Amino acid sequence: MYRINQILILLFCLCFATHHAQSLKADMDKINAAYANAKKYSMDCEYLYFEDQAAAVPYSIIKGQIKKYNTINYIKQGDTETINTLDYSVRVENDSKTITLLPKKTMVTSTPALGVNIDSLSKFYDKVEFKKLSGTLYSYIFLMKKGWDYAKLELQFDKNTFLVKRMIFSFDEMDISDDDKEKKTRPRIEVVYSKFNASPNIQEKDINYERFLVKKGKSYELKPEFSKYTLYAY
């Protein structure tokens, strides 16, 4: 799960250097603005895992949510909840009952919950294709260089609202053999975003550390309802 989270973060760091550069830059700037300029929003998301790129039915579906309130970004992926702010990051693993609190300076990136940095990672793909899928739904397909985590990345978005609708990661061949059977596959992961709400009924306390922790001076303690969890604070 942690590796998938890393890949999803890298998803939002793209750039472009062919004759489509101006269109891509303009579109990505507008996608960024659709999220960055909003004081708050919420949306649902689903993570669909396919055993092979040709598979029509996912073998696993994990539901999630994304919320923003000012500079607070909240991401829920199955049993894992992550809160990122300018000052700290809280990661809650409800399955293992652990809560990790990190100062923001230790985080790898301060990328918002949704956004595209077109000034980064240009060395990781060879070319990009642009397609009109249907109505106002468009996509950019990035063909990655060999040796990268995935072979192809597709970003689908609404040309009117510039909201991202779907991300598709197509992976190179992976060996998933076990002791009894040799098996190789070329999996894909799709992230589907829906129910975007630009004025959700949420407050800061609903998605910040106060949901899980109580601040005592310069330290933090678990709230009573999370007393069975283990807190790791750095």
Protein backbone atom coordinates (compact mmCIF):
# COMPACT_ATOMS: atom_id res chain seq x y z
CA MET A 1 0.00 0.00 0.00
CA TYR A 2 2.84 2.41 0.83
CA ARG A 3 4.39 1.82 -2.63
CA ILE A 4 1.07 2.56 -4.31
CA ASN A 5 0.82 5.80 -2.29
CA GLN A 6 4.28 6.80 -3.49
CA ILE A 7 3.27 6.13 -7.09
CA LEU A 8 0.08 8.12 -6.65
CA ILE A 9 2.06 11.08 -5.34
CA LEU A 10 4.43 10.90 -8.31
CA LEU A 11 1.39 10.86 -10.56
CA PHE A 12 0.89 14.57 -9.78
CA CYS A 13 4.40 15.54 -10.96
CA LEU A 14 4.37 15.66 -14.76
CA CYS A 15 5.81 17.77 -17.55
CA PHE A 16 5.83 17.83 -21.36
CA ALA A 17 8.33 18.78 -24.07
CA THR A 18 6.84 18.12 -27.54
CA HIS A 19 4.60 20.10 -29.89
CA HIS A 20 1.68 19.65 -27.45
CA ALA A 21 3.59 21.53 -24.75
CA GLN A 22 1.52 24.69 -24.75
CA SER A 23 -1.81 22.82 -24.62
CA LEU A 24 -0.60 20.51 -21.88
CA LYS A 25 0.81 23.36 -19.81
CA ALA A 26 -2.39 25.36 -20.15
CA ASP A 27 -4.56 22.37 -19.24
CA MET A 28 -2.43 21.33 -16.27
CA ASP A 29 -2.37 24.92 -14.97
CA LYS A 30 -6.17 24.97 -15.11
CA ILE A 31 -6.41 21.58 -13.38
CA ASN A 32 -4.13 22.86 -10.63
CA ALA A 33 -6.18 26.04 -10.27
CA ALA A 34 -9.46 24.09 -10.01
CA TYR A 35 -8.19 22.54 -6.77
CA ALA A 36 -5.66 25.06 -5.46
CA ASN A 37 -8.02 28.04 -5.70
CA ALA A 38 -10.80 26.28 -3.79
CA LYS A 39 -10.88 27.05 -0.05
CA LYS A 40 -12.44 23.68 0.59
CA TYR A 41 -13.79 20.70 -1.31
CA SER A 42 -14.51 17.01 -0.95
CA MET A 43 -14.74 14.10 -3.36
CA ASP A 44 -15.00 10.33 -3.40
CA CYS A 45 -12.43 8.10 -5.05
CA GLU A 46 -12.09 4.41 -5.82
CA TYR A 47 -8.86 2.47 -6.36
CA LEU A 48 -9.47 -0.34 -8.86
CA TYR A 49 -6.83 -3.07 -9.11
CA PHE A 50 -6.73 -5.20 -12.29
CA GLU A 51 -4.61 -8.33 -12.60
CA ASP A 52 -3.86 -7.63 -16.26
CA GLN A 53 -4.15 -4.67 -18.60
CA ALA A 54 -6.73 -6.54 -20.67
CA ALA A 55 -8.87 -7.45 -17.64
CA ALA A 56 -12.35 -5.90 -17.59
CA VAL A 57 -13.21 -6.70 -13.97
CA PRO A 58 -11.00 -5.55 -11.05
CA TYR A 59 -9.92 -8.15 -8.53
CA SER A 60 -9.98 -5.56 -5.74
CA ILE A 61 -11.71 -2.22 -5.17
CA ILE A 62 -10.69 0.10 -2.34
CA LYS A 63 -12.89 3.08 -1.57
CA GLY A 64 -11.53 6.42 -0.45
CA GLN A 65 -12.14 10.12 0.05
CA ILE A 66 -10.25 13.35 -0.48
CA LYS A 67 -11.03 16.54 1.45
CA LYS A 68 -9.49 19.98 1.65
CA TYR A 69 -9.98 22.82 4.11
CA ASN A 70 -7.67 25.81 3.55
CA THR A 71 -4.15 24.31 3.72
CA ILE A 72 -5.25 20.96 5.18
CA ASN A 73 -5.45 17.97 2.83
CA TYR A 74 -7.12 14.75 3.98
CA ILE A 75 -6.85 11.49 2.05
CA LYS A 76 -8.59 8.22 2.96
CA GLN A 77 -7.57 5.04 1.16
CA GLY A 78 -9.32 2.02 2.57
CA ASP A 79 -8.30 1.70 6.22
CA THR A 80 -5.54 4.30 5.93
CA GLU A 81 -6.08 8.01 6.58
CA THR A 82 -3.49 10.71 5.88
CA ILE A 83 -3.62 14.37 6.92
CA ASN A 84 -1.11 16.79 5.41
CA THR A 85 -0.72 20.41 6.49
CA LEU A 86 2.02 23.00 6.19
CA ASP A 87 3.30 21.99 9.64
CA TYR A 88 2.76 18.25 10.05
CA SER A 89 1.60 14.98 8.54
CA VAL A 90 -0.53 12.41 10.37
CA ARG A 91 -0.84 8.88 9.02
CA VAL A 92 -3.49 6.65 10.63
CA GLU A 93 -3.39 2.91 9.91
CA ASN A 94 -6.68 1.65 11.29
CA ASP A 95 -5.98 -1.98 10.42
CA SER A 96 -2.76 -2.09 12.46
CA LYS A 97 -3.99 0.54 14.96
CA THR A 98 -1.00 2.84 14.59
CA ILE A 99 -0.82 6.63 14.26
CA THR A 100 2.34 8.32 13.00
CA LEU A 101 2.91 12.06 13.45
CA LEU A 102 5.69 13.67 11.41
CA PRO A 103 6.77 17.30 11.16
CA LYS A 104 6.27 18.52 7.63
CA LYS A 105 9.99 19.05 7.07
CA THR A 106 10.48 15.28 7.12
CA MET A 107 8.01 14.65 4.32
CA VAL A 108 9.21 13.85 0.81
CA THR A 109 6.74 16.17 -0.87
CA SER A 110 4.20 18.85 -0.02
CA THR A 111 2.11 18.03 -3.10
CA PRO A 112 -1.56 18.86 -2.50
CA ALA A 113 -4.17 16.12 -2.60
CA LEU A 114 -4.74 16.70 -6.29
CA GLY A 115 -2.63 18.73 -8.70
CA VAL A 116 -0.05 18.42 -11.46
CA ASN A 117 3.43 19.90 -11.37
CA ILE A 118 4.45 20.10 -15.02
CA ASP A 119 7.93 21.35 -14.15
CA SER A 120 8.98 17.99 -12.68
CA LEU A 121 9.84 14.48 -13.84
CA SER A 122 10.20 15.21 -17.56
CA LYS A 123 12.99 12.62 -17.77
CA PHE A 124 10.60 9.78 -16.91
CA TYR A 125 8.54 9.61 -20.13
CA ASP A 126 9.30 9.48 -23.83
CA LYS A 127 6.17 11.02 -25.31
CA VAL A 128 2.55 11.92 -24.63
CA GLU A 129 -0.67 11.48 -26.58
CA PHE A 130 -3.78 13.65 -26.41
CA LYS A 131 -7.27 12.24 -26.98
CA LYS A 132 -10.87 13.39 -26.88
CA LEU A 133 -12.78 10.52 -25.29
CA SER A 134 -16.41 11.72 -25.32
CA GLY A 135 -18.27 14.98 -24.86
CA THR A 136 -16.10 17.11 -22.56
CA LEU A 137 -13.94 14.18 -21.41
CA TYR A 138 -10.32 14.42 -22.61
CA SER A 139 -7.13 12.58 -21.73
CA TYR A 140 -3.35 12.81 -21.80
CA ILE A 141 -1.52 9.48 -22.10
CA PHE A 142 2.12 9.50 -20.95
CA LEU A 143 4.35 6.73 -22.30
CA MET A 144 7.04 6.22 -19.71
CA LYS A 145 10.68 5.38 -20.28
CA LYS A 146 11.91 1.86 -19.57
CA GLY A 147 12.85 1.21 -15.97
CA TRP A 148 10.10 3.39 -14.50
CA ASP A 149 7.48 1.97 -12.10
CA TYR A 150 4.79 1.88 -14.76
CA ALA A 151 4.83 1.80 -18.57
CA LYS A 152 1.91 4.13 -19.25
CA LEU A 153 -0.07 6.74 -17.34
CA GLU A 154 -3.39 8.18 -18.50
CA LEU A 155 -4.95 11.31 -17.00
CA GLN A 156 -8.62 11.86 -17.87
CA PHE A 157 -10.25 15.20 -17.13
CA ASP A 158 -13.31 17.29 -17.89
CA LYS A 159 -12.41 20.04 -20.33
CA ASN A 160 -15.13 22.34 -18.96
CA THR A 161 -14.45 22.07 -15.23
CA PHE A 162 -10.82 20.85 -15.41
CA LEU A 163 -11.57 18.29 -12.71
CA VAL A 164 -9.67 15.01 -12.91
CA LYS A 165 -12.03 12.08 -13.49
CA ARG A 166 -9.72 9.08 -13.73
CA MET A 167 -6.05 8.09 -13.52
CA ILE A 168 -4.87 4.84 -15.12
CA PHE A 169 -1.48 3.26 -14.37
CA SER A 170 -0.43 0.46 -16.73
CA PHE A 171 2.53 -1.52 -15.41
CA ASP A 172 5.29 -3.48 -17.12
CA GLU A 173 5.40 -7.24 -16.70
CA MET A 174 5.51 -8.36 -13.07
CA ASP A 175 6.44 -11.78 -11.73
CA ILE A 176 3.74 -12.92 -9.29
CA SER A 177 4.76 -16.57 -9.23
CA ASP A 178 4.30 -18.58 -6.05
CA ASP A 179 5.74 -21.89 -4.88
CA ASP A 180 3.24 -23.90 -6.91
CA LYS A 181 2.82 -21.93 -10.11
CA GLU A 182 4.85 -19.63 -12.33
CA LYS A 183 2.87 -16.58 -13.36
CA LYS A 184 3.64 -13.21 -14.90
CA THR A 185 1.20 -10.39 -15.52
CA ARG A 186 0.97 -6.76 -16.65
CA PRO A 187 -1.39 -5.17 -14.08
CA ARG A 188 -3.05 -1.78 -14.04
CA ILE A 189 -4.49 0.47 -11.37
CA GLU A 190 -7.30 2.92 -11.98
CA VAL A 191 -8.21 5.75 -9.61
CA VAL A 192 -11.72 7.10 -10.23
CA TYR A 193 -12.81 10.46 -8.78
CA SER A 194 -16.47 11.37 -8.33
CA LYS A 195 -18.96 13.50 -6.37
CA PHE A 196 -16.80 16.62 -6.29
CA ASN A 197 -18.32 19.14 -3.86
CA ALA A 198 -16.93 22.68 -3.80
CA SER A 199 -18.87 23.65 -0.67
CA PRO A 200 -18.96 20.63 1.66
CA ASN A 201 -20.22 20.92 5.21
CA ILE A 202 -16.84 20.41 6.89
CA GLN A 203 -14.83 22.36 9.44
CA GLU A 204 -11.11 22.41 10.10
CA LYS A 205 -11.43 20.22 13.19
CA ASP A 206 -13.13 17.53 11.09
CA ILE A 207 -9.96 16.76 9.14
CA ASN A 208 -7.00 17.94 11.23
CA TYR A 209 -4.99 16.13 13.92
CA GLU A 210 -7.68 16.91 16.54
CA ARG A 211 -9.71 13.98 15.22
CA PHE A 212 -7.10 11.65 16.69
CA LEU A 213 -4.73 13.57 18.98
CA VAL A 214 -4.72 16.09 21.82
CA LYS A 215 -1.88 18.59 22.01
CA LYS A 216 -0.25 18.90 25.45
CA GLY A 217 2.37 21.63 25.38
CA LYS A 218 4.84 20.64 22.68
CA SER A 219 3.76 16.99 22.63
CA TYR A 220 0.69 15.05 21.51
CA GLU A 221 -1.39 12.33 23.15
CA LEU A 222 -3.99 9.96 21.79
CA LYS A 223 -7.62 10.88 22.30
CA PRO A 224 -9.46 8.45 24.62
CA GLU A 225 -11.34 6.81 21.76
CA PHE A 226 -7.98 5.87 20.17
CA SER A 227 -6.39 4.57 23.39
CA LYS A 228 -5.86 1.14 21.82
CA TYR A 229 -3.72 2.65 19.07
CA THR A 230 0.05 3.09 19.20
CA LEU A 231 1.35 6.61 18.61
CA TYR A 232 4.68 7.25 16.90
CA ALA A 233 5.57 10.96 17.12
CA TYR A 234 8.80 12.35 15.67
